[in-house]
All heavy atoms as atom14 arrays in JSON, in Angstrom:
{
  "sequence": "PPSMSFEEAACLPTAWLTAYRMLFTQGGLKAGDTVLVQGAGGGV",
  "atom14_mask": [
    [1, 1, 1, 1, 1, 1, 1, 0, 0, 0, 0, 0, 0, 0],
    [1, 1, 1, 1, 1, 1, 1, 0, 0, 0, 0, 0, 0, 0],
    [1, 1, 1, 1, 1, 1, 0, 0, 0, 0, 0, 0, 0, 0],
    [1, 1, 1, 1, 1, 1, 1, 1, 0, 0, 0, 0, 0, 0],
    [1, 1, 1, 1, 1, 1, 0, 0, 0, 0, 0, 0, 0, 0],
    [1, 1, 1, 1, 1, 1, 1, 1, 1, 1, 1, 0, 0, 0],
    [1, 1, 1, 1, 1, 1, 1, 1, 1, 0, 0, 0, 0, 0],
    [1, 1, 1, 1, 1, 1, 1, 1, 1, 0, 0, 0, 0, 0],
    [1, 1, 1, 1, 1, 0, 0, 0, 0, 0, 0, 0, 0, 0],
    [1, 1, 1, 1, 1, 0, 0, 0, 0, 0, 0, 0, 0, 0],
    [1, 1, 1, 1, 1, 1, 0, 0, 0, 0, 0, 0, 0, 0],
    [1, 1, 1, 1, 1, 1, 1, 1, 0, 0, 0, 0, 0, 0],
    [1, 1, 1, 1, 1, 1, 1, 0, 0, 0, 0, 0, 0, 0],
    [1, 1, 1, 1, 1, 1, 1, 0, 0, 0, 0, 0, 0, 0],
    [1, 1, 1, 1, 1, 0, 0, 0, 0, 0, 0, 0, 0, 0],
    [1, 1, 1, 1, 1, 1, 1, 1, 1, 1, 1, 1, 1, 1],
    [1, 1, 1, 1, 1, 1, 1, 1, 0, 0, 0, 0, 0, 0],
    [1, 1, 1, 1, 1, 1, 1, 0, 0, 0, 0, 0, 0, 0],
    [1, 1, 1, 1, 1, 0, 0, 0, 0, 0, 0, 0, 0, 0],
    [1, 1, 1, 1, 1, 1, 1, 1, 1, 1, 1, 1, 0, 0],
    [1, 1, 1, 1, 1, 1, 1, 1, 1, 1, 1, 0, 0, 0],
    [1, 1, 1, 1, 1, 1, 1, 1, 0, 0, 0, 0, 0, 0],
    [1, 1, 1, 1, 1, 1, 1, 1, 0, 0, 0, 0, 0, 0],
    [1, 1, 1, 1, 1, 1, 1, 1, 1, 1, 1, 0, 0, 0],
    [1, 1, 1, 1, 1, 1, 1, 0, 0, 0, 0, 0, 0, 0],
    [1, 1, 1, 1, 1, 1, 1, 1, 1, 0, 0, 0, 0, 0],
    [1, 1, 1, 1, 0, 0, 0, 0, 0, 0, 0, 0, 0, 0],
    [1, 1, 1, 1, 0, 0, 0, 0, 0, 0, 0, 0, 0, 0],
    [1, 1, 1, 1, 1, 1, 1, 1, 0, 0, 0, 0, 0, 0],
    [1, 1, 1, 1, 1, 1, 1, 1, 1, 0, 0, 0, 0, 0],
    [1, 1, 1, 1, 1, 0, 0, 0, 0, 0, 0, 0, 0, 0],
    [1, 1, 1, 1, 0, 0, 0, 0, 0, 0, 0, 0, 0, 0],
    [1, 1, 1, 1, 1, 1, 1, 1, 0, 0, 0, 0, 0, 0],
    [1, 1, 1, 1, 1, 1, 1, 0, 0, 0, 0, 0, 0, 0],
    [1, 1, 1, 1, 1, 1, 1, 0, 0, 0, 0, 0, 0, 0],
    [1, 1, 1, 1, 1, 1, 1, 1, 0, 0, 0, 0, 0, 0],
    [1, 1, 1, 1, 1, 1, 1, 0, 0, 0, 0, 0, 0, 0],
    [1, 1, 1, 1, 1, 1, 1, 1, 1, 0, 0, 0, 0, 0],
    [1, 1, 1, 1, 0, 0, 0, 0, 0, 0, 0, 0, 0, 0],
    [1, 1, 1, 1, 1, 0, 0, 0, 0, 0, 0, 0, 0, 0],
    [1, 1, 1, 1, 0, 0, 0, 0, 0, 0, 0, 0, 0, 0],
    [1, 1, 1, 1, 0, 0, 0, 0, 0, 0, 0, 0, 0, 0],
    [1, 1, 1, 1, 0, 0, 0, 0, 0, 0, 0, 0, 0, 0],
    [1, 1, 1, 1, 1, 1, 1, 0, 0, 0, 0, 0, 0, 0]
  ],
  "atom14_positions": [
    [[-8.59, 10.42, 11.9], [-7.72, 11.57, 11.59], [-7.88, 12.01, 10.14], [-8.15, 11.17, 9.26], [-6.31, 11.03, 11.85], [-6.43, 9.55, 11.72], [-7.82, 9.19, 12.16], [0.0, 0.0, 0.0], [0.0, 0.0, 0.0], [0.0, 0.0, 0.0], [0.0, 0.0, 0.0], [0.0, 0.0, 0.0], [0.0, 0.0, 0.0], [0.0, 0.0, 0.0]],
    [[-7.7, 13.29, 9.86], [-7.83, 13.79, 8.48], [-6.83, 13.15, 7.53], [-7.08, 13.09, 6.32], [-7.55, 15.29, 8.63], [-7.83, 15.62, 10.06], [-7.47, 14.4, 10.83], [0.0, 0.0, 0.0], [0.0, 0.0, 0.0], [0.0, 0.0, 0.0], [0.0, 0.0, 0.0], [0.0, 0.0, 0.0], [0.0, 0.0, 0.0], [0.0, 0.0, 0.0]],
    [[-5.72, 12.65, 8.05], [-4.68, 12.07, 7.2], [-5.1, 10.74, 6.58], [-4.45, 10.25, 5.65], [-3.41, 11.84, 8.01], [-3.61, 10.84, 9.0], [0.0, 0.0, 0.0], [0.0, 0.0, 0.0], [0.0, 0.0, 0.0], [0.0, 0.0, 0.0], [0.0, 0.0, 0.0], [0.0, 0.0, 0.0], [0.0, 0.0, 0.0], [0.0, 0.0, 0.0]],
    [[-6.16, 10.15, 7.07], [-6.56, 8.81, 6.67], [-7.87, 8.87, 5.88], [-8.82, 9.54, 6.28], [-6.74, 7.95, 7.93], [-6.88, 6.47, 7.68], [-7.02, 5.58, 9.27], [-5.42, 5.96, 10.01], [0.0, 0.0, 0.0], [0.0, 0.0, 0.0], [0.0, 0.0, 0.0], [0.0, 0.0, 0.0], [0.0, 0.0, 0.0], [0.0, 0.0, 0.0]],
    [[-7.92, 8.18, 4.75], [-9.14, 8.16, 3.95], [-10.19, 7.28, 4.62], [-9.9, 6.44, 5.48], [-8.84, 7.64, 2.55], [-8.57, 6.25, 2.58], [0.0, 0.0, 0.0], [0.0, 0.0, 0.0], [0.0, 0.0, 0.0], [0.0, 0.0, 0.0], [0.0, 0.0, 0.0], [0.0, 0.0, 0.0], [0.0, 0.0, 0.0], [0.0, 0.0, 0.0]],
    [[-11.44, 7.47, 4.2], [-12.51, 6.61, 4.71], [-12.25, 5.15, 4.34], [-12.5, 4.24, 5.14], [-13.87, 7.05, 4.15], [-14.41, 8.31, 4.77], [-14.51, 9.47, 4.03], [-14.82, 8.33, 6.1], [-15.01, 10.63, 4.59], [-15.32, 9.48, 6.67], [-15.42, 10.64, 5.93], [0.0, 0.0, 0.0], [0.0, 0.0, 0.0], [0.0, 0.0, 0.0]],
    [[-11.72, 4.93, 3.13], [-11.44, 3.56, 2.68], [-10.39, 2.9, 3.57], [-10.52, 1.74, 3.95], [-10.98, 3.56, 1.22], [-12.06, 3.92, 0.22], [-12.25, 5.43, 0.05], [-11.55, 6.21, 0.75], [-13.08, 5.82, -0.78], [0.0, 0.0, 0.0], [0.0, 0.0, 0.0], [0.0, 0.0, 0.0], [0.0, 0.0, 0.0], [0.0, 0.0, 0.0]],
    [[-9.34, 3.65, 3.9], [-8.29, 3.11, 4.78], [-8.83, 2.86, 6.18], [-8.59, 1.8, 6.77], [-7.11, 4.08, 4.82], [-6.34, 4.17, 3.51], [-5.43, 5.37, 3.44], [-5.59, 6.33, 4.22], [-4.52, 5.36, 2.57], [0.0, 0.0, 0.0], [0.0, 0.0, 0.0], [0.0, 0.0, 0.0], [0.0, 0.0, 0.0], [0.0, 0.0, 0.0]],
    [[-9.56, 3.82, 6.71], [-10.09, 3.69, 8.08], [-11.06, 2.52, 8.2], [-11.12, 1.87, 9.25], [-10.77, 4.99, 8.49], [0.0, 0.0, 0.0], [0.0, 0.0, 0.0], [0.0, 0.0, 0.0], [0.0, 0.0, 0.0], [0.0, 0.0, 0.0], [0.0, 0.0, 0.0], [0.0, 0.0, 0.0], [0.0, 0.0, 0.0], [0.0, 0.0, 0.0]],
    [[-11.79, 2.23, 7.13], [-12.77, 1.14, 7.17], [-12.12, -0.24, 7.27], [-12.79, -1.22, 7.59], [-13.67, 1.2, 5.94], [0.0, 0.0, 0.0], [0.0, 0.0, 0.0], [0.0, 0.0, 0.0], [0.0, 0.0, 0.0], [0.0, 0.0, 0.0], [0.0, 0.0, 0.0], [0.0, 0.0, 0.0], [0.0, 0.0, 0.0], [0.0, 0.0, 0.0]],
    [[-10.82, -0.32, 7.01], [-10.11, -1.6, 7.11], [-9.76, -1.97, 8.55], [-9.4, -3.12, 8.83], [-8.81, -1.54, 6.32], [-9.02, -1.28, 4.55], [0.0, 0.0, 0.0], [0.0, 0.0, 0.0], [0.0, 0.0, 0.0], [0.0, 0.0, 0.0], [0.0, 0.0, 0.0], [0.0, 0.0, 0.0], [0.0, 0.0, 0.0], [0.0, 0.0, 0.0]],
    [[-9.83, -1.01, 9.46], [-9.19, -1.17, 10.77], [-9.96, -1.97, 11.82], [-9.35, -2.72, 12.58], [-8.85, 0.22, 11.35], [-7.97, 1.11, 10.47], [-7.67, 2.41, 11.2], [-6.68, 0.4, 10.09], [0.0, 0.0, 0.0], [0.0, 0.0, 0.0], [0.0, 0.0, 0.0], [0.0, 0.0, 0.0], [0.0, 0.0, 0.0], [0.0, 0.0, 0.0]],
    [[-11.29, -1.83, 11.95], [-11.94, -2.33, 13.17], [-11.9, -3.83, 13.4], [-12.07, -4.26, 14.54], [-13.39, -1.83, 13.01], [-13.29, -0.64, 12.13], [-12.21, -0.99, 11.16], [0.0, 0.0, 0.0], [0.0, 0.0, 0.0], [0.0, 0.0, 0.0], [0.0, 0.0, 0.0], [0.0, 0.0, 0.0], [0.0, 0.0, 0.0], [0.0, 0.0, 0.0]],
    [[-11.73, -4.65, 12.39], [-11.7, -6.1, 12.61], [-10.3, -6.66, 12.38], [-9.58, -6.98, 13.31], [-12.74, -6.81, 11.74], [-14.05, -6.36, 12.12], [-12.71, -8.32, 11.97], [0.0, 0.0, 0.0], [0.0, 0.0, 0.0], [0.0, 0.0, 0.0], [0.0, 0.0, 0.0], [0.0, 0.0, 0.0], [0.0, 0.0, 0.0], [0.0, 0.0, 0.0]],
    [[-9.88, -6.77, 11.12], [-8.59, -7.42, 10.82], [-7.41, -6.66, 11.42], [-6.53, -7.26, 12.06], [-8.41, -7.55, 9.31], [0.0, 0.0, 0.0], [0.0, 0.0, 0.0], [0.0, 0.0, 0.0], [0.0, 0.0, 0.0], [0.0, 0.0, 0.0], [0.0, 0.0, 0.0], [0.0, 0.0, 0.0], [0.0, 0.0, 0.0], [0.0, 0.0, 0.0]],
    [[-7.37, -5.35, 11.25], [-6.22, -4.59, 11.73], [-6.22, -4.47, 13.25], [-5.16, -4.5, 13.88], [-6.17, -3.22, 11.05], [-5.54, -3.35, 9.7], [-6.05, -4.0, 8.61], [-4.25, -2.9, 9.32], [-5.16, -3.97, 7.57], [-4.05, -3.3, 7.96], [-3.25, -2.18, 9.95], [-2.89, -3.02, 7.26], [-2.08, -1.89, 9.25], [-1.91, -2.31, 7.93]],
    [[-7.38, -4.35, 13.84], [-7.45, -4.33, 15.31], [-7.05, -5.68, 15.88], [-6.33, -5.76, 16.89], [-8.86, -3.95, 15.76], [-9.1, -3.91, 17.27], [-8.15, -2.93, 17.96], [-10.55, -3.55, 17.57], [0.0, 0.0, 0.0], [0.0, 0.0, 0.0], [0.0, 0.0, 0.0], [0.0, 0.0, 0.0], [0.0, 0.0, 0.0], [0.0, 0.0, 0.0]],
    [[-7.5, -6.76, 15.24], [-7.09, -8.1, 15.67], [-5.58, -8.23, 15.63], [-4.95, -8.74, 16.57], [-7.74, -9.16, 14.76], [-9.16, -9.11, 14.91], [-7.25, -10.56, 15.1], [0.0, 0.0, 0.0], [0.0, 0.0, 0.0], [0.0, 0.0, 0.0], [0.0, 0.0, 0.0], [0.0, 0.0, 0.0], [0.0, 0.0, 0.0], [0.0, 0.0, 0.0]],
    [[-4.95, -7.76, 14.55], [-3.49, -7.85, 14.42], [-2.79, -7.0, 15.47], [-1.78, -7.43, 16.06], [-3.08, -7.4, 13.01], [0.0, 0.0, 0.0], [0.0, 0.0, 0.0], [0.0, 0.0, 0.0], [0.0, 0.0, 0.0], [0.0, 0.0, 0.0], [0.0, 0.0, 0.0], [0.0, 0.0, 0.0], [0.0, 0.0, 0.0], [0.0, 0.0, 0.0]],
    [[-3.29, -5.81, 15.72], [-2.68, -4.92, 16.71], [-2.69, -5.58, 18.09], [-1.67, -5.58, 18.8], [-3.43, -3.6, 16.74], [-2.87, -2.59, 17.73], [-1.88, -1.69, 17.35], [-3.33, -2.55, 19.05], [-1.36, -0.78, 18.26], [-2.81, -1.64, 19.96], [-1.83, -0.76, 19.56], [-1.32, 0.13, 20.47], [0.0, 0.0, 0.0], [0.0, 0.0, 0.0]],
    [[-3.83, -6.13, 18.48], [-3.92, -6.77, 19.8], [-3.01, -8.0, 19.88], [-2.37, -8.24, 20.9], [-5.38, -7.17, 20.08], [-5.6, -7.81, 21.46], [-7.09, -8.11, 21.66], [-7.36, -8.8, 22.91], [-7.62, -8.19, 24.07], [-7.61, -6.87, 24.13], [-7.87, -8.9, 25.16], [0.0, 0.0, 0.0], [0.0, 0.0, 0.0], [0.0, 0.0, 0.0]],
    [[-2.96, -8.78, 18.8], [-2.1, -9.96, 18.79], [-0.64, -9.59, 19.03], [0.05, -10.22, 19.84], [-2.22, -10.7, 17.44], [-3.54, -11.41, 17.22], [-3.64, -12.13, 15.56], [-2.52, -13.54, 15.74], [0.0, 0.0, 0.0], [0.0, 0.0, 0.0], [0.0, 0.0, 0.0], [0.0, 0.0, 0.0], [0.0, 0.0, 0.0], [0.0, 0.0, 0.0]],
    [[-0.16, -8.58, 18.33], [1.26, -8.21, 18.4], [1.62, -7.53, 19.71], [2.6, -7.92, 20.39], [1.61, -7.28, 17.25], [1.67, -7.89, 15.85], [1.65, -6.79, 14.81], [2.91, -8.76, 15.69], [0.0, 0.0, 0.0], [0.0, 0.0, 0.0], [0.0, 0.0, 0.0], [0.0, 0.0, 0.0], [0.0, 0.0, 0.0], [0.0, 0.0, 0.0]],
    [[0.85, -6.51, 20.08], [1.32, -5.59, 21.11], [0.64, -5.75, 22.47], [1.22, -5.36, 23.48], [1.16, -4.15, 20.61], [1.86, -3.89, 19.31], [1.15, -3.53, 18.18], [3.23, -4.05, 19.21], [1.8, -3.29, 16.98], [3.89, -3.82, 18.01], [3.18, -3.44, 16.89], [0.0, 0.0, 0.0], [0.0, 0.0, 0.0], [0.0, 0.0, 0.0]],
    [[-0.56, -6.34, 22.5], [-1.23, -6.58, 23.79], [-0.99, -8.02, 24.23], [-0.33, -8.27, 25.24], [-2.73, -6.29, 23.69], [-2.93, -4.95, 23.27], [-3.4, -6.48, 25.05], [0.0, 0.0, 0.0], [0.0, 0.0, 0.0], [0.0, 0.0, 0.0], [0.0, 0.0, 0.0], [0.0, 0.0, 0.0], [0.0, 0.0, 0.0], [0.0, 0.0, 0.0]],
    [[-1.5, -8.97, 23.48], [-1.34, -10.38, 23.85], [0.09, -10.86, 23.65], [0.61, -11.63, 24.45], [-2.32, -11.24, 23.05], [-3.79, -10.86, 23.19], [-4.32, -11.02, 24.6], [-3.97, -10.25, 25.49], [-5.14, -12.03, 24.81], [0.0, 0.0, 0.0], [0.0, 0.0, 0.0], [0.0, 0.0, 0.0], [0.0, 0.0, 0.0], [0.0, 0.0, 0.0]],
    [[0.72, -10.43, 22.57], [2.1, -10.85, 22.3], [3.13, -10.09, 23.12], [4.23, -10.59, 23.36], [0.0, 0.0, 0.0], [0.0, 0.0, 0.0], [0.0, 0.0, 0.0], [0.0, 0.0, 0.0], [0.0, 0.0, 0.0], [0.0, 0.0, 0.0], [0.0, 0.0, 0.0], [0.0, 0.0, 0.0], [0.0, 0.0, 0.0], [0.0, 0.0, 0.0]],
    [[2.79, -8.85, 23.53], [3.73, -8.04, 24.3], [5.03, -7.78, 23.58], [6.08, -7.58, 24.22], [0.0, 0.0, 0.0], [0.0, 0.0, 0.0], [0.0, 0.0, 0.0], [0.0, 0.0, 0.0], [0.0, 0.0, 0.0], [0.0, 0.0, 0.0], [0.0, 0.0, 0.0], [0.0, 0.0, 0.0], [0.0, 0.0, 0.0], [0.0, 0.0, 0.0]],
    [[5.01, -7.73, 22.26], [6.24, -7.59, 21.49], [6.72, -6.14, 21.46], [5.91, -5.21, 21.56], [6.03, -8.1, 20.06], [5.77, -9.61, 19.98], [5.36, -10.0, 18.57], [6.99, -10.41, 20.41], [0.0, 0.0, 0.0], [0.0, 0.0, 0.0], [0.0, 0.0, 0.0], [0.0, 0.0, 0.0], [0.0, 0.0, 0.0], [0.0, 0.0, 0.0]],
    [[8.01, -5.99, 21.31], [8.63, -4.66, 21.31], [9.68, -4.59, 20.21], [10.09, -5.63, 19.66], [9.26, -4.36, 22.67], [10.35, -5.33, 23.07], [10.8, -5.08, 24.49], [11.96, -5.99, 24.87], [11.64, -7.42, 24.74], [0.0, 0.0, 0.0], [0.0, 0.0, 0.0], [0.0, 0.0, 0.0], [0.0, 0.0, 0.0], [0.0, 0.0, 0.0]],
    [[10.09, -3.38, 19.89], [11.07, -3.18, 18.83], [12.3, -4.06, 19.05], [12.81, -4.16, 20.16], [11.48, -1.71, 18.78], [0.0, 0.0, 0.0], [0.0, 0.0, 0.0], [0.0, 0.0, 0.0], [0.0, 0.0, 0.0], [0.0, 0.0, 0.0], [0.0, 0.0, 0.0], [0.0, 0.0, 0.0], [0.0, 0.0, 0.0], [0.0, 0.0, 0.0]],
    [[12.74, -4.71, 17.98], [13.9, -5.59, 18.05], [13.55, -7.06, 18.16], [14.4, -7.92, 17.9], [0.0, 0.0, 0.0], [0.0, 0.0, 0.0], [0.0, 0.0, 0.0], [0.0, 0.0, 0.0], [0.0, 0.0, 0.0], [0.0, 0.0, 0.0], [0.0, 0.0, 0.0], [0.0, 0.0, 0.0], [0.0, 0.0, 0.0], [0.0, 0.0, 0.0]],
    [[12.32, -7.38, 18.57], [11.89, -8.78, 18.63], [11.68, -9.32, 17.22], [11.47, -8.57, 16.26], [10.58, -8.91, 19.42], [10.77, -8.69, 20.92], [11.93, -8.78, 21.39], [9.77, -8.42, 21.61], [0.0, 0.0, 0.0], [0.0, 0.0, 0.0], [0.0, 0.0, 0.0], [0.0, 0.0, 0.0], [0.0, 0.0, 0.0], [0.0, 0.0, 0.0]],
    [[11.72, -10.65, 17.11], [11.5, -11.32, 15.83], [10.17, -12.06, 15.86], [9.89, -12.81, 16.8], [12.63, -12.31, 15.51], [13.88, -11.6, 15.47], [12.4, -12.99, 14.18], [0.0, 0.0, 0.0], [0.0, 0.0, 0.0], [0.0, 0.0, 0.0], [0.0, 0.0, 0.0], [0.0, 0.0, 0.0], [0.0, 0.0, 0.0], [0.0, 0.0, 0.0]],
    [[9.35, -11.86, 14.83], [8.04, -12.47, 14.77], [7.87, -13.2, 13.44], [8.34, -12.74, 12.41], [6.93, -11.41, 14.96], [6.93, -10.38, 13.84], [5.55, -12.05, 15.1], [0.0, 0.0, 0.0], [0.0, 0.0, 0.0], [0.0, 0.0, 0.0], [0.0, 0.0, 0.0], [0.0, 0.0, 0.0], [0.0, 0.0, 0.0], [0.0, 0.0, 0.0]],
    [[7.2, -14.34, 13.49], [6.84, -15.1, 12.3], [5.34, -14.98, 12.08], [4.55, -15.25, 13.0], [7.22, -16.58, 12.47], [6.69, -17.54, 11.39], [7.3, -17.22, 10.03], [6.97, -19.0, 11.78], [0.0, 0.0, 0.0], [0.0, 0.0, 0.0], [0.0, 0.0, 0.0], [0.0, 0.0, 0.0], [0.0, 0.0, 0.0], [0.0, 0.0, 0.0]],
    [[4.96, -14.56, 10.88], [3.54, -14.47, 10.51], [3.24, -15.61, 9.54], [3.8, -15.68, 8.44], [3.23, -13.11, 9.84], [1.76, -13.08, 9.4], [3.54, -11.97, 10.79], [0.0, 0.0, 0.0], [0.0, 0.0, 0.0], [0.0, 0.0, 0.0], [0.0, 0.0, 0.0], [0.0, 0.0, 0.0], [0.0, 0.0, 0.0], [0.0, 0.0, 0.0]],
    [[2.36, -16.51, 9.95], [1.99, -17.65, 9.11], [0.89, -17.26, 8.13], [-0.02, -16.52, 8.45], [1.49, -18.81, 9.99], [2.52, -19.4, 10.93], [3.48, -20.37, 10.23], [3.7, -20.3, 9.02], [4.06, -21.28, 11.0], [0.0, 0.0, 0.0], [0.0, 0.0, 0.0], [0.0, 0.0, 0.0], [0.0, 0.0, 0.0], [0.0, 0.0, 0.0]],
    [[1.01, -17.76, 6.9], [-0.06, -17.6, 5.92], [-0.26, -16.21, 5.39], [-1.37, -15.68, 5.4], [0.0, 0.0, 0.0], [0.0, 0.0, 0.0], [0.0, 0.0, 0.0], [0.0, 0.0, 0.0], [0.0, 0.0, 0.0], [0.0, 0.0, 0.0], [0.0, 0.0, 0.0], [0.0, 0.0, 0.0], [0.0, 0.0, 0.0], [0.0, 0.0, 0.0]],
    [[0.81, -15.6, 4.9], [0.72, -14.23, 4.36], [-0.32, -14.19, 3.24], [-0.35, -15.07, 2.38], [2.07, -13.77, 3.85], [0.0, 0.0, 0.0], [0.0, 0.0, 0.0], [0.0, 0.0, 0.0], [0.0, 0.0, 0.0], [0.0, 0.0, 0.0], [0.0, 0.0, 0.0], [0.0, 0.0, 0.0], [0.0, 0.0, 0.0], [0.0, 0.0, 0.0]],
    [[-1.15, -13.17, 3.26], [-2.14, -13.01, 2.19], [-3.47, -12.5, 2.7], [-4.04, -11.58, 2.14], [0.0, 0.0, 0.0], [0.0, 0.0, 0.0], [0.0, 0.0, 0.0], [0.0, 0.0, 0.0], [0.0, 0.0, 0.0], [0.0, 0.0, 0.0], [0.0, 0.0, 0.0], [0.0, 0.0, 0.0], [0.0, 0.0, 0.0], [0.0, 0.0, 0.0]],
    [[-3.98, -13.11, 3.75], [-5.27, -12.7, 4.29], [-5.2, -11.35, 4.97], [-4.13, -10.79, 5.2], [0.0, 0.0, 0.0], [0.0, 0.0, 0.0], [0.0, 0.0, 0.0], [0.0, 0.0, 0.0], [0.0, 0.0, 0.0], [0.0, 0.0, 0.0], [0.0, 0.0, 0.0], [0.0, 0.0, 0.0], [0.0, 0.0, 0.0], [0.0, 0.0, 0.0]],
    [[-6.38, -10.81, 5.3], [-6.46, -9.47, 5.88], [-5.71, -9.34, 7.18], [-4.98, -8.36, 7.4], [0.0, 0.0, 0.0], [0.0, 0.0, 0.0], [0.0, 0.0, 0.0], [0.0, 0.0, 0.0], [0.0, 0.0, 0.0], [0.0, 0.0, 0.0], [0.0, 0.0, 0.0], [0.0, 0.0, 0.0], [0.0, 0.0, 0.0], [0.0, 0.0, 0.0]],
    [[-5.85, -10.33, 8.08], [-5.15, -10.25, 9.36], [-3.64, -10.43, 9.15], [-2.84, -9.71, 9.75], [-5.69, -11.3, 10.35], [-4.86, -11.31, 11.64], [-7.15, -11.01, 10.69], [0.0, 0.0, 0.0], [0.0, 0.0, 0.0], [0.0, 0.0, 0.0], [0.0, 0.0, 0.0], [0.0, 0.0, 0.0], [0.0, 0.0, 0.0], [0.0, 0.0, 0.0]]
  ]
}
């Protein structure tokens, strides 16, 4: 999308896609659920 820079878009295909699938496909999480993310800092 035009709203997103090339630098931002380049972050998505591995770490951000992995996170998206973890939360919403494999995790099946929805608004209001509580999630714990271990090891804050890395890309994922």
